[in-house]
Amino acid sequence: MEKPRLQAGDVFCVTTAGPLSIVIRAIERFWSEDDKAEFGHAGIITGEHGATFEALTRARHSNIDRYKGKHVLVARPMRSMDGAVIIRASKIKAIKQLADEYEGKWYPFWRLILHMIPPLAKYISYNGRFLVCSEILAKYENLIGTRQGPFTGVNPDDLGDGWRSDRNYIIVHDDAWFWGDEYGATLLGSLQPKNAS
C-alpha cells in the first residue's frame, strides 16, 4: 500500500488505546448522536512528509508517523462553507497563526472534565486561551472558512464524523496508518535516530 499524498493544511483524527483516549471516547460516545466514538485525538498536517501541529502534552510540532498501527482518518479541506476554493496560502497562514498562539502551551487536561457536559466546554475556555486538541483544529477550520460558530466544545469524533459527510472535504486516508520506521519522526518531518547522542 502506498503512503497517502499529504498536504499542508490536511487534518486528521486518530484512534489510540491509551487510558486518556479510552476515557475521551467513552464521554464522546455518551453524547454522540450515532452512539459511536471512534477518535480520541486530532491534529493538523503541516507538511507533505507528515509533519503535524497538535496538542500533545504541550501543543507542538510532531509527525503523523508516530501513529503507526493506529486507525487514522486524514481529510483535506477543499472549499469553504460559501463554496470558495481554499488556497494553500490560506491554510499555511492559519497554521502559523495557531502555532504562534498555542505552541509550547501545556495541554489543558482540566478542560476535559468540562467535555463531560459539552455545553460547559463550549462556554468555559477563557476566550479560547486553553483549548484541547480538537478545539485547536476546529479553530483552524474557522480560520479557513469550513466551520462557523464556536470551536470550543468540539471533540475529535465530531470532527471525523463531519469530514466523512461534508462535501467540502475529501478523505485522503481512513484506515490503519502503516508508515513510520525505527528512526521515529520528529519536528517538521525530519528524521533523526531515536538513540542519537
Protein backbone atom coordinates (compact mmCIF):
# COMPACT_ATOMS: atom_id res chain seq x y z
CA MET A 1 0.00 0.00 0.00
CA GLU A 2 1.37 3.40 -0.97
CA LYS A 3 1.57 6.16 1.63
CA PRO A 4 -1.12 8.80 1.05
CA ARG A 5 0.00 12.08 -0.50
CA LEU A 6 -0.36 14.54 2.32
CA GLN A 7 -0.53 18.32 2.03
CA ALA A 8 -0.02 21.14 4.48
CA GLY A 9 -3.47 22.01 5.76
CA ASP A 10 -4.84 18.45 5.80
CA VAL A 11 -6.47 17.49 9.09
CA PHE A 12 -6.52 14.20 10.97
CA CYS A 13 -8.13 12.22 13.75
CA VAL A 14 -6.65 9.10 15.31
CA THR A 15 -7.78 6.22 17.47
CA THR A 16 -5.29 5.45 20.21
CA ALA A 17 -5.51 2.91 23.01
CA GLY A 18 -4.16 4.90 25.95
CA PRO A 19 -6.22 5.37 29.11
CA LEU A 20 -6.93 9.03 28.34
CA SER A 21 -8.16 8.19 24.83
CA ILE A 22 -10.44 5.49 26.22
CA VAL A 23 -12.00 7.96 28.67
CA ILE A 24 -12.36 10.62 25.96
CA ARG A 25 -14.11 8.17 23.63
CA ALA A 26 -16.43 6.97 26.42
CA ILE A 27 -17.55 10.56 27.04
CA GLU A 28 -17.90 11.18 23.30
CA ARG A 29 -20.00 8.02 22.91
CA PHE A 30 -22.34 9.14 25.71
CA TRP A 31 -23.12 12.42 23.90
CA SER A 32 -22.85 11.13 20.33
CA GLU A 33 -25.84 11.22 18.01
CA ASP A 34 -24.75 7.97 16.30
CA ASP A 35 -23.90 6.23 19.63
CA LYS A 36 -20.32 5.68 18.42
CA ALA A 37 -16.99 7.26 19.26
CA GLU A 38 -14.06 6.25 17.14
CA PHE A 39 -11.48 9.02 17.57
CA GLY A 40 -9.82 10.41 20.68
CA HIS A 41 -7.24 12.82 19.24
CA ALA A 42 -6.97 15.33 16.38
CA GLY A 43 -4.33 17.48 14.70
CA ILE A 44 -3.29 19.42 11.62
CA ILE A 45 -0.86 18.22 8.93
CA THR A 46 1.75 20.93 8.32
CA GLY A 47 3.92 19.28 5.67
CA GLU A 48 3.81 16.74 2.85
CA HIS A 49 6.01 14.27 4.76
CA GLY A 50 3.55 14.08 7.63
CA ALA A 51 4.69 16.92 9.87
CA THR A 52 1.90 17.92 12.24
CA PHE A 53 0.86 20.58 14.72
CA GLU A 54 -1.11 19.07 17.57
CA ALA A 55 -1.83 19.39 21.26
CA LEU A 56 0.04 16.57 22.96
CA THR A 57 1.38 17.11 26.49
CA ARG A 58 2.18 20.52 25.05
CA ALA A 59 0.98 21.98 21.76
CA ARG A 60 3.88 21.30 19.39
CA HIS A 61 5.07 20.07 16.04
CA SER A 62 5.30 16.31 15.62
CA ASN A 63 4.73 13.78 12.82
CA ILE A 64 1.79 11.61 11.88
CA ASP A 65 4.09 8.58 11.61
CA ARG A 66 4.01 8.42 15.41
CA TYR A 67 0.57 6.79 14.95
CA LYS A 68 1.87 3.77 13.01
CA GLY A 69 -0.56 0.89 13.51
CA LYS A 70 -3.41 3.16 14.68
CA HIS A 71 -6.57 4.00 12.77
CA VAL A 72 -6.00 7.43 11.21
CA LEU A 73 -8.53 9.48 9.27
CA VAL A 74 -6.94 12.21 7.12
CA ALA A 75 -9.20 14.72 5.38
CA ARG A 76 -8.43 17.59 3.06
CA PRO A 77 -10.46 20.81 3.29
CA MET A 78 -11.16 21.85 -0.30
CA ARG A 79 -13.87 24.51 -0.16
CA SER A 80 -15.13 26.94 2.43
CA MET A 81 -18.75 26.96 3.55
CA ASP A 82 -19.55 29.58 0.90
CA GLY A 83 -18.12 27.33 -1.84
CA ALA A 84 -14.84 29.19 -2.41
CA VAL A 85 -11.74 27.09 -3.07
CA ILE A 86 -9.37 27.20 -0.10
CA ILE A 87 -5.89 28.02 -1.35
CA ARG A 88 -2.72 26.63 0.22
CA ALA A 89 -1.60 30.09 1.40
CA SER A 90 -4.76 30.46 3.50
CA LYS A 91 -4.12 27.11 5.17
CA ILE A 92 -0.47 27.96 5.88
CA LYS A 93 -1.45 31.35 7.31
CA ALA A 94 -3.99 29.71 9.65
CA ILE A 95 -1.48 27.07 10.78
CA LYS A 96 1.11 29.76 11.50
CA GLN A 97 -1.42 31.79 13.47
CA LEU A 98 -2.33 28.79 15.63
CA ALA A 99 1.31 27.78 16.15
CA ASP A 100 2.16 31.35 17.20
CA GLU A 101 -0.74 31.35 19.66
CA TYR A 102 -0.56 27.83 21.14
CA GLU A 103 2.88 26.28 20.56
CA GLY A 104 4.51 25.33 23.85
CA LYS A 105 1.33 25.68 25.92
CA TRP A 106 0.58 22.82 28.27
CA TYR A 107 -2.40 20.64 27.34
CA PRO A 108 -5.35 21.86 29.43
CA PHE A 109 -6.31 18.46 30.85
CA TRP A 110 -8.70 20.16 33.27
CA ARG A 111 -10.87 21.17 30.29
CA LEU A 112 -11.53 17.51 29.50
CA ILE A 113 -13.70 17.45 32.62
CA LEU A 114 -15.82 20.19 31.03
CA HIS A 115 -16.28 17.98 27.96
CA MET A 116 -18.24 15.57 30.15
CA ILE A 117 -21.03 18.15 29.78
CA PRO A 118 -20.43 19.66 26.32
CA PRO A 119 -22.18 22.98 26.97
CA LEU A 120 -19.64 23.66 29.74
CA ALA A 121 -16.73 23.02 27.37
CA LYS A 122 -18.37 25.24 24.78
CA TYR A 123 -18.68 28.24 27.08
CA ILE A 124 -15.74 27.91 29.51
CA SER A 125 -12.49 28.34 27.61
CA TYR A 126 -11.27 31.71 28.82
CA ASN A 127 -11.70 33.29 25.38
CA GLY A 128 -10.01 30.39 23.62
CA ARG A 129 -6.75 30.60 25.58
CA PHE A 130 -7.00 26.99 26.78
CA LEU A 131 -8.01 24.60 24.00
CA VAL A 132 -7.80 20.82 23.73
CA CYS A 133 -6.57 19.16 20.51
CA SER A 134 -9.91 19.05 18.71
CA GLU A 135 -10.75 22.64 19.61
CA ILE A 136 -7.47 23.89 18.13
CA LEU A 137 -8.36 22.00 14.95
CA ALA A 138 -11.91 23.42 14.97
CA LYS A 139 -10.43 26.91 15.35
CA TYR A 140 -8.28 26.14 12.29
CA GLU A 141 -11.47 25.24 10.42
CA ASN A 142 -12.99 28.59 11.45
CA LEU A 143 -9.91 30.40 10.16
CA ILE A 144 -10.04 28.72 6.74
CA GLY A 145 -13.83 29.01 6.46
CA THR A 146 -15.02 25.40 6.72
CA ARG A 147 -16.70 25.93 10.09
CA GLN A 148 -18.86 28.68 11.52
CA GLY A 149 -19.75 29.24 15.11
CA PRO A 150 -17.99 28.11 18.27
CA PHE A 151 -14.87 25.99 18.09
CA THR A 152 -14.95 25.23 21.80
CA GLY A 153 -16.70 22.06 22.95
CA VAL A 154 -15.82 20.22 19.70
CA ASN A 155 -14.43 16.71 20.13
CA PRO A 156 -12.32 14.53 17.78
CA ASP A 157 -15.14 12.16 16.92
CA ASP A 158 -17.46 15.01 15.91
CA LEU A 159 -14.71 16.25 13.57
CA GLY A 160 -14.19 12.83 11.97
CA ASP A 161 -17.92 12.24 11.52
CA GLY A 162 -18.26 15.68 9.97
CA TRP A 163 -15.43 15.24 7.45
CA ARG A 164 -16.87 11.97 6.20
CA SER A 165 -20.17 13.62 5.36
CA ASP A 166 -19.06 17.14 4.36
CA ARG A 167 -18.78 17.69 0.61
CA ASN A 168 -16.19 20.42 1.26
CA TYR A 169 -13.68 17.78 2.40
CA ILE A 170 -12.14 14.82 0.63
CA ILE A 171 -10.98 11.79 2.56
CA VAL A 172 -7.29 11.15 1.92
CA HIS A 173 -6.93 8.14 4.23
CA ASP A 174 -9.29 6.23 6.54
CA ASP A 175 -7.58 3.08 7.76
CA ALA A 176 -4.63 1.88 9.82
CA TRP A 177 -1.51 4.00 9.39
CA PHE A 178 1.14 1.62 8.07
CA TRP A 179 4.05 4.02 7.74
CA GLY A 180 6.86 5.09 10.02
CA ASP A 181 10.15 3.43 10.82
CA GLU A 182 12.68 2.67 13.52
CA TYR A 183 14.02 6.22 13.43
CA GLY A 184 10.87 7.87 14.74
CA ALA A 185 9.58 11.04 13.12
CA THR A 186 10.37 14.36 14.75
CA LEU A 187 9.94 18.08 14.24
CA LEU A 188 8.64 19.09 10.82
CA GLY A 189 9.01 15.62 9.36
CA SER A 190 12.79 15.37 9.58
CA LEU A 191 14.09 12.01 10.74
CA GLN A 192 16.67 11.54 13.46
CA PRO A 193 17.70 8.25 15.09
CA LYS A 194 15.83 7.71 18.37
CA ASN A 195 19.03 6.85 20.22
CA ALA A 196 21.14 9.62 18.71
CA SER A 197 23.53 11.20 21.18
